[in-house]
Amino acid sequence: MTDDRTYLVVLNHEEQYSIWRSDREVPAGWRAEGFEGPKEKCLEHIAEVWTDMRPLSLRQRLDSIA
């Protein structure tokens, strides 16, 4: 089965990424990041831009004690 739907790359307040079908409302706590396309292209985009998997709050905490 091929997935010919369009997806959005979404981002939460912790700067964690996911994908969401473009024909659905983005869930609470998430916002559209700006990239839209086929599932595989969205996943490729996330792999390129999400280089630090740690949540934002953890990165900030570690930066404050460094």
N, C-alpha and C. Protein backbone atom coordinates (compact mmCIF):
# COMPACT_ATOMS: atom_id res chain seq x y z
N MET A 1 0.83 -1.18 0.00
CA MET A 1 0.00 0.00 0.00
C MET A 1 0.88 1.25 0.00
N THR A 2 0.64 2.13 -0.93
CA THR A 2 1.41 3.37 -0.96
C THR A 2 0.67 4.46 -0.19
N ASP A 3 1.43 5.32 0.41
CA ASP A 3 0.87 6.43 1.18
C ASP A 3 1.08 7.69 0.37
N ASP A 4 0.04 8.13 -0.32
CA ASP A 4 0.16 9.31 -1.16
C ASP A 4 -0.38 10.56 -0.47
N ARG A 5 -0.54 10.48 0.84
CA ARG A 5 -1.02 11.64 1.60
C ARG A 5 0.11 12.65 1.79
N THR A 6 -0.29 13.87 2.11
CA THR A 6 0.66 14.93 2.41
C THR A 6 0.76 15.09 3.92
N TYR A 7 1.97 15.29 4.39
CA TYR A 7 2.23 15.43 5.82
C TYR A 7 2.88 16.77 6.11
N LEU A 8 2.75 17.19 7.36
CA LEU A 8 3.42 18.38 7.87
C LEU A 8 4.49 17.92 8.85
N VAL A 9 5.59 18.63 8.89
CA VAL A 9 6.54 18.45 9.98
C VAL A 9 6.06 19.36 11.10
N VAL A 10 5.91 18.79 12.29
CA VAL A 10 5.44 19.54 13.44
C VAL A 10 6.50 19.53 14.54
N LEU A 11 6.40 20.51 15.41
CA LEU A 11 7.40 20.75 16.43
C LEU A 11 6.68 21.11 17.72
N ASN A 12 7.16 20.61 18.86
CA ASN A 12 6.53 20.97 20.13
C ASN A 12 7.41 21.96 20.90
N HIS A 13 6.98 22.35 22.09
CA HIS A 13 7.70 23.36 22.88
C HIS A 13 9.08 22.87 23.33
N GLU A 14 9.32 21.59 23.29
CA GLU A 14 10.62 21.03 23.65
C GLU A 14 11.51 20.85 22.41
N GLU A 15 11.06 21.38 21.28
CA GLU A 15 11.77 21.29 20.01
C GLU A 15 11.98 19.84 19.57
N GLN A 16 10.97 19.03 19.82
CA GLN A 16 10.94 17.65 19.35
C GLN A 16 10.08 17.62 18.10
N TYR A 17 10.50 16.86 17.11
CA TYR A 17 9.84 16.84 15.81
C TYR A 17 9.00 15.58 15.62
N SER A 18 7.99 15.72 14.78
CA SER A 18 7.17 14.59 14.37
C SER A 18 6.52 14.96 13.04
N ILE A 19 5.72 14.04 12.51
CA ILE A 19 4.95 14.34 11.30
C ILE A 19 3.47 14.20 11.62
N TRP A 20 2.66 14.92 10.86
CA TRP A 20 1.22 14.90 11.08
C TRP A 20 0.55 15.05 9.73
N ARG A 21 -0.51 14.31 9.52
CA ARG A 21 -1.23 14.42 8.24
C ARG A 21 -1.74 15.83 8.04
N SER A 22 -1.55 16.36 6.85
CA SER A 22 -1.91 17.76 6.58
C SER A 22 -3.42 17.99 6.55
N ASP A 23 -4.19 16.92 6.40
CA ASP A 23 -5.64 17.09 6.36
C ASP A 23 -6.28 17.05 7.75
N ARG A 24 -5.44 17.02 8.77
CA ARG A 24 -5.93 17.00 10.15
C ARG A 24 -5.40 18.22 10.90
N GLU A 25 -6.15 18.64 11.88
CA GLU A 25 -5.73 19.76 12.71
C GLU A 25 -4.51 19.36 13.53
N VAL A 26 -3.53 20.24 13.58
CA VAL A 26 -2.33 19.97 14.37
C VAL A 26 -2.75 19.89 15.84
N PRO A 27 -2.29 18.86 16.56
CA PRO A 27 -2.74 18.69 17.94
C PRO A 27 -2.21 19.77 18.87
N ALA A 28 -2.89 19.95 19.97
CA ALA A 28 -2.48 20.91 20.99
C ALA A 28 -1.05 20.62 21.43
N GLY A 29 -0.28 21.67 21.60
CA GLY A 29 1.10 21.52 22.03
C GLY A 29 2.09 21.38 20.89
N TRP A 30 1.59 21.31 19.69
CA TRP A 30 2.43 21.18 18.50
C TRP A 30 2.12 22.32 17.54
N ARG A 31 3.10 22.67 16.70
CA ARG A 31 2.89 23.69 15.67
C ARG A 31 3.55 23.22 14.39
N ALA A 32 3.03 23.68 13.27
CA ALA A 32 3.63 23.34 11.99
C ALA A 32 4.99 24.02 11.89
N GLU A 33 6.00 23.27 11.49
CA GLU A 33 7.36 23.77 11.39
C GLU A 33 7.60 24.51 10.08
N GLY A 34 6.83 24.17 9.05
CA GLY A 34 6.96 24.86 7.77
C GLY A 34 7.24 23.94 6.61
N PHE A 35 7.64 22.70 6.88
CA PHE A 35 7.92 21.75 5.81
C PHE A 35 6.70 20.87 5.61
N GLU A 36 6.36 20.62 4.36
CA GLU A 36 5.19 19.82 4.01
C GLU A 36 5.53 18.98 2.79
N GLY A 37 5.06 17.74 2.78
CA GLY A 37 5.28 16.89 1.61
C GLY A 37 4.94 15.44 1.90
N PRO A 38 5.42 14.54 1.04
CA PRO A 38 5.20 13.11 1.27
C PRO A 38 5.88 12.66 2.58
N LYS A 39 5.39 11.59 3.13
CA LYS A 39 5.90 11.08 4.41
C LYS A 39 7.42 10.93 4.41
N GLU A 40 7.96 10.28 3.40
CA GLU A 40 9.41 10.03 3.36
C GLU A 40 10.21 11.33 3.31
N LYS A 41 9.73 12.31 2.56
CA LYS A 41 10.42 13.60 2.47
C LYS A 41 10.38 14.32 3.81
N CYS A 42 9.26 14.24 4.50
CA CYS A 42 9.16 14.84 5.83
C CYS A 42 10.13 14.18 6.80
N LEU A 43 10.20 12.86 6.76
CA LEU A 43 11.13 12.14 7.64
C LEU A 43 12.58 12.48 7.31
N GLU A 44 12.90 12.63 6.03
CA GLU A 44 14.24 13.04 5.62
C GLU A 44 14.56 14.43 6.15
N HIS A 45 13.60 15.33 6.06
CA HIS A 45 13.79 16.69 6.56
C HIS A 45 14.06 16.67 8.06
N ILE A 46 13.29 15.90 8.81
CA ILE A 46 13.50 15.80 10.25
C ILE A 46 14.90 15.27 10.55
N ALA A 47 15.34 14.27 9.81
CA ALA A 47 16.68 13.70 10.02
C ALA A 47 17.77 14.75 9.80
N GLU A 48 17.52 15.69 8.90
CA GLU A 48 18.50 16.74 8.61
C GLU A 48 18.50 17.83 9.69
N VAL A 49 17.34 18.21 10.19
CA VAL A 49 17.27 19.36 11.09
C VAL A 49 17.28 19.01 12.57
N TRP A 50 16.89 17.81 12.94
CA TRP A 50 16.83 17.43 14.35
C TRP A 50 18.11 16.70 14.70
N THR A 51 19.15 17.47 14.95
CA THR A 51 20.46 16.87 15.17
C THR A 51 20.77 16.61 16.64
N ASP A 52 20.01 17.21 17.54
CA ASP A 52 20.19 16.99 18.97
C ASP A 52 18.85 16.53 19.53
N MET A 53 18.76 15.26 19.85
CA MET A 53 17.49 14.67 20.26
C MET A 53 17.08 15.04 21.69
N ARG A 54 17.97 15.67 22.43
CA ARG A 54 17.61 16.02 23.80
C ARG A 54 16.52 17.09 23.81
N PRO A 55 15.56 17.00 24.72
CA PRO A 55 14.53 18.04 24.81
C PRO A 55 15.17 19.40 25.13
N LEU A 56 14.53 20.46 24.70
CA LEU A 56 15.04 21.82 24.91
C LEU A 56 15.31 22.08 26.39
N SER A 57 14.40 21.68 27.27
CA SER A 57 14.58 21.95 28.70
C SER A 57 15.85 21.29 29.24
N LEU A 58 16.17 20.11 28.78
CA LEU A 58 17.39 19.44 29.21
C LEU A 58 18.62 20.16 28.67
N ARG A 59 18.59 20.56 27.41
CA ARG A 59 19.72 21.29 26.84
C ARG A 59 19.96 22.59 27.60
N GLN A 60 18.88 23.31 27.91
CA GLN A 60 19.02 24.56 28.65
C GLN A 60 19.57 24.33 30.05
N ARG A 61 19.09 23.29 30.70
CA ARG A 61 19.56 22.96 32.05
C ARG A 61 21.05 22.63 32.03
N LEU A 62 21.46 21.81 31.09
CA LEU A 62 22.87 21.44 30.99
C LEU A 62 23.74 22.64 30.65
N ASP A 63 23.24 23.54 29.82
CA ASP A 63 23.98 24.76 29.48
C ASP A 63 24.14 25.66 30.70
N SER A 64 23.14 25.69 31.57
CA SER A 64 23.18 26.57 32.73
C SER A 64 24.16 26.10 33.80
N ILE A 65 24.48 24.81 33.81
CA ILE A 65 25.42 24.29 34.82
C ILE A 65 26.81 24.09 34.25
N ALA A 66 26.98 24.35 32.98
CA ALA A 66 28.29 24.15 32.34
C ALA A 66 29.22 25.32 32.61
